[in-house]
Amino acid sequence: MAIDLKIGEFQPEFVGKMQFYLTALDRQVRQEDENPSIGIILCKEKNRTVVEYALHDARKPIGVATYEITRTLPKSLKGQLPSPKEISKLLQDL
């Protein structure tokens, strides 16, 4: 699976890039007993008609969804995600 997070509105060219990612995953990473890779494009905004036209002839399974940024973490997720300090340390260790 490939997930592409975009900070703005959906653009049709995102589909071509995702198809490239999925082809690379299928050829380089996917095992013979695994299903073909799928892609998810997450955008801040999307126009349904533009998404439908962009995906009409796509040969790979791709979904487009929007996300919303919140200032506070939902109570159900507290304690389940690393703190900013922990994330910083993990990135330094790479």
C-alpha atoms as a PDB file:
ATOM      1  CA  MET A   1       0.000   0.000   0.000  1.00  0.00           C
ATOM      2  CA  ALA A   2       1.155   3.516  -0.787  1.00  0.00           C
ATOM      3  CA  ILE A   3      -0.196   6.591   0.979  1.00  0.00           C
ATOM      4  CA  ASP A   4       0.533  10.049  -0.438  1.00  0.00           C
ATOM      5  CA  LEU A   5      -0.271  12.960   1.889  1.00  0.00           C
ATOM      6  CA  LYS A   6      -0.843  16.284   0.107  1.00  0.00           C
ATOM      7  CA  ILE A   7      -1.126  19.648   1.859  1.00  0.00           C
ATOM      8  CA  GLY A   8      -3.463  21.232  -0.680  1.00  0.00           C
ATOM      9  CA  GLU A   9      -6.331  20.505  -3.032  1.00  0.00           C
ATOM     10  CA  PHE A  10      -6.374  17.333  -5.163  1.00  0.00           C
ATOM     11  CA  GLN A  11      -4.714  17.724  -8.565  1.00  0.00           C
ATOM     12  CA  PRO A  12      -5.245  15.217 -11.431  1.00  0.00           C
ATOM     13  CA  GLU A  13      -1.487  14.698 -11.814  1.00  0.00           C
ATOM     14  CA  PHE A  14      -1.404  13.075  -8.346  1.00  0.00           C
ATOM     15  CA  VAL A  15      -2.949   9.968  -9.954  1.00  0.00           C
ATOM     16  CA  GLY A  16      -0.041   9.534 -12.383  1.00  0.00           C
ATOM     17  CA  LYS A  17       2.472   9.803  -9.570  1.00  0.00           C
ATOM     18  CA  MET A  18       0.526   7.264  -7.483  1.00  0.00           C
ATOM     19  CA  GLN A  19       0.391   4.835 -10.418  1.00  0.00           C
ATOM     20  CA  PHE A  20       4.187   5.158 -10.645  1.00  0.00           C
ATOM     21  CA  TYR A  21       4.531   4.390  -6.906  1.00  0.00           C
ATOM     22  CA  LEU A  22       2.236   1.366  -7.166  1.00  0.00           C
ATOM     23  CA  THR A  23       4.071  -0.053 -10.171  1.00  0.00           C
ATOM     24  CA  ALA A  24       7.377   0.319  -8.316  1.00  0.00           C
ATOM     25  CA  LEU A  25       5.942  -1.405  -5.232  1.00  0.00           C
ATOM     26  CA  ASP A  26       4.520  -4.266  -7.280  1.00  0.00           C
ATOM     27  CA  ARG A  27       7.751  -4.841  -9.195  1.00  0.00           C
ATOM     28  CA  GLN A  28      10.271  -4.249  -6.420  1.00  0.00           C
ATOM     29  CA  VAL A  29       8.577  -5.113  -3.107  1.00  0.00           C
ATOM     30  CA  ARG A  30       5.455  -7.227  -3.558  1.00  0.00           C
ATOM     31  CA  GLN A  31       5.839 -10.968  -3.048  1.00  0.00           C
ATOM     32  CA  GLU A  32       4.295 -13.450  -5.495  1.00  0.00           C
ATOM     33  CA  ASP A  33       1.659 -14.549  -2.970  1.00  0.00           C
ATOM     34  CA  GLU A  34       0.543 -10.960  -2.195  1.00  0.00           C
ATOM     35  CA  ASN A  35      -2.251  -8.990  -3.837  1.00  0.00           C
ATOM     36  CA  PRO A  36      -1.395  -6.009  -6.063  1.00  0.00           C
ATOM     37  CA  SER A  37      -0.619  -2.778  -4.218  1.00  0.00           C
ATOM     38  CA  ILE A  38      -3.310  -0.169  -3.638  1.00  0.00           C
ATOM     39  CA  GLY A  39      -2.894   3.582  -3.260  1.00  0.00           C
ATOM     40  CA  ILE A  40      -4.513   6.240  -1.109  1.00  0.00           C
ATOM     41  CA  ILE A  41      -4.116   9.946  -1.835  1.00  0.00           C
ATOM     42  CA  LEU A  42      -4.962  12.148   1.168  1.00  0.00           C
ATOM     43  CA  CYS A  43      -5.675  15.792   0.312  1.00  0.00           C
ATOM     44  CA  LYS A  44      -6.789  18.821   2.271  1.00  0.00           C
ATOM     45  CA  GLU A  45      -9.609  19.367  -0.264  1.00  0.00           C
ATOM     46  CA  LYS A  46     -11.037  17.633  -3.320  1.00  0.00           C
ATOM     47  CA  ASN A  47     -13.569  18.261  -6.053  1.00  0.00           C
ATOM     48  CA  ARG A  48     -15.532  15.059  -6.628  1.00  0.00           C
ATOM     49  CA  THR A  49     -15.879  15.602 -10.393  1.00  0.00           C
ATOM     50  CA  VAL A  50     -12.143  16.256 -10.842  1.00  0.00           C
ATOM     51  CA  VAL A  51     -11.337  13.099  -8.834  1.00  0.00           C
ATOM     52  CA  GLU A  52     -13.770  11.001 -10.891  1.00  0.00           C
ATOM     53  CA  TYR A  53     -12.298  12.229 -14.184  1.00  0.00           C
ATOM     54  CA  ALA A  54      -8.722  11.731 -12.967  1.00  0.00           C
ATOM     55  CA  LEU A  55      -9.403   8.152 -11.811  1.00  0.00           C
ATOM     56  CA  HIS A  56     -11.621   7.138 -14.756  1.00  0.00           C
ATOM     57  CA  ASP A  57      -8.882   5.365 -16.750  1.00  0.00           C
ATOM     58  CA  ALA A  58      -6.539   4.565 -13.863  1.00  0.00           C
ATOM     59  CA  ARG A  59      -5.329   0.975 -14.112  1.00  0.00           C
ATOM     60  CA  LYS A  60      -4.319   0.637 -10.466  1.00  0.00           C
ATOM     61  CA  PRO A  61      -6.665   0.692  -7.437  1.00  0.00           C
ATOM     62  CA  ILE A  62      -6.450   4.237  -6.041  1.00  0.00           C
ATOM     63  CA  GLY A  63      -8.655   6.045  -3.536  1.00  0.00           C
ATOM     64  CA  VAL A  64      -8.791   9.766  -2.756  1.00  0.00           C
ATOM     65  CA  ALA A  65      -9.854  11.100   0.635  1.00  0.00           C
ATOM     66  CA  THR A  66      -9.706  14.364   2.518  1.00  0.00           C
ATOM     67  CA  TYR A  67      -8.365  15.026   5.992  1.00  0.00           C
ATOM     68  CA  GLU A  68      -8.957  17.646   8.637  1.00  0.00           C
ATOM     69  CA  ILE A  69      -6.313  19.098  10.927  1.00  0.00           C
ATOM     70  CA  THR A  70      -7.235  19.542  14.580  1.00  0.00           C
ATOM     71  CA  ARG A  71      -5.366  21.388  17.291  1.00  0.00           C
ATOM     72  CA  THR A  72      -5.947  18.745  19.945  1.00  0.00           C
ATOM     73  CA  LEU A  73      -5.557  14.991  19.857  1.00  0.00           C
ATOM     74  CA  PRO A  74      -8.817  13.067  20.342  1.00  0.00           C
ATOM     75  CA  LYS A  75      -9.059  11.484  23.802  1.00  0.00           C
ATOM     76  CA  SER A  76      -9.289   8.015  22.249  1.00  0.00           C
ATOM     77  CA  LEU A  77      -5.785   8.425  20.756  1.00  0.00           C
ATOM     78  CA  LYS A  78      -4.034   9.881  23.809  1.00  0.00           C
ATOM     79  CA  GLY A  79      -1.348   7.515  25.031  1.00  0.00           C
ATOM     80  CA  GLN A  80      -1.336   5.585  21.742  1.00  0.00           C
ATOM     81  CA  LEU A  81       0.934   7.916  19.780  1.00  0.00           C
ATOM     82  CA  PRO A  82       4.540   8.867  20.555  1.00  0.00           C
ATOM     83  CA  SER A  83       5.224  12.303  22.004  1.00  0.00           C
ATOM     84  CA  PRO A  84       6.962  14.982  19.906  1.00  0.00           C
ATOM     85  CA  LYS A  85      10.176  14.325  21.907  1.00  0.00           C
ATOM     86  CA  GLU A  86       9.968  10.588  21.153  1.00  0.00           C
ATOM     87  CA  ILE A  87       9.433  11.262  17.448  1.00  0.00           C
ATOM     88  CA  SER A  88      12.401  13.646  17.396  1.00  0.00           C
ATOM     89  CA  LYS A  89      14.621  11.021  19.043  1.00  0.00           C
ATOM     90  CA  LEU A  90      13.467   8.336  16.582  1.00  0.00           C
ATOM     91  CA  LEU A  91      14.308  10.612  13.650  1.00  0.00           C
ATOM     92  CA  GLN A  92      17.750  11.406  15.063  1.00  0.00           C
ATOM     93  CA  ASP A  93      18.496   7.685  15.362  1.00  0.00           C
ATOM     94  CA  LEU A  94      17.918   7.097  11.635  1.00  0.00           C
END
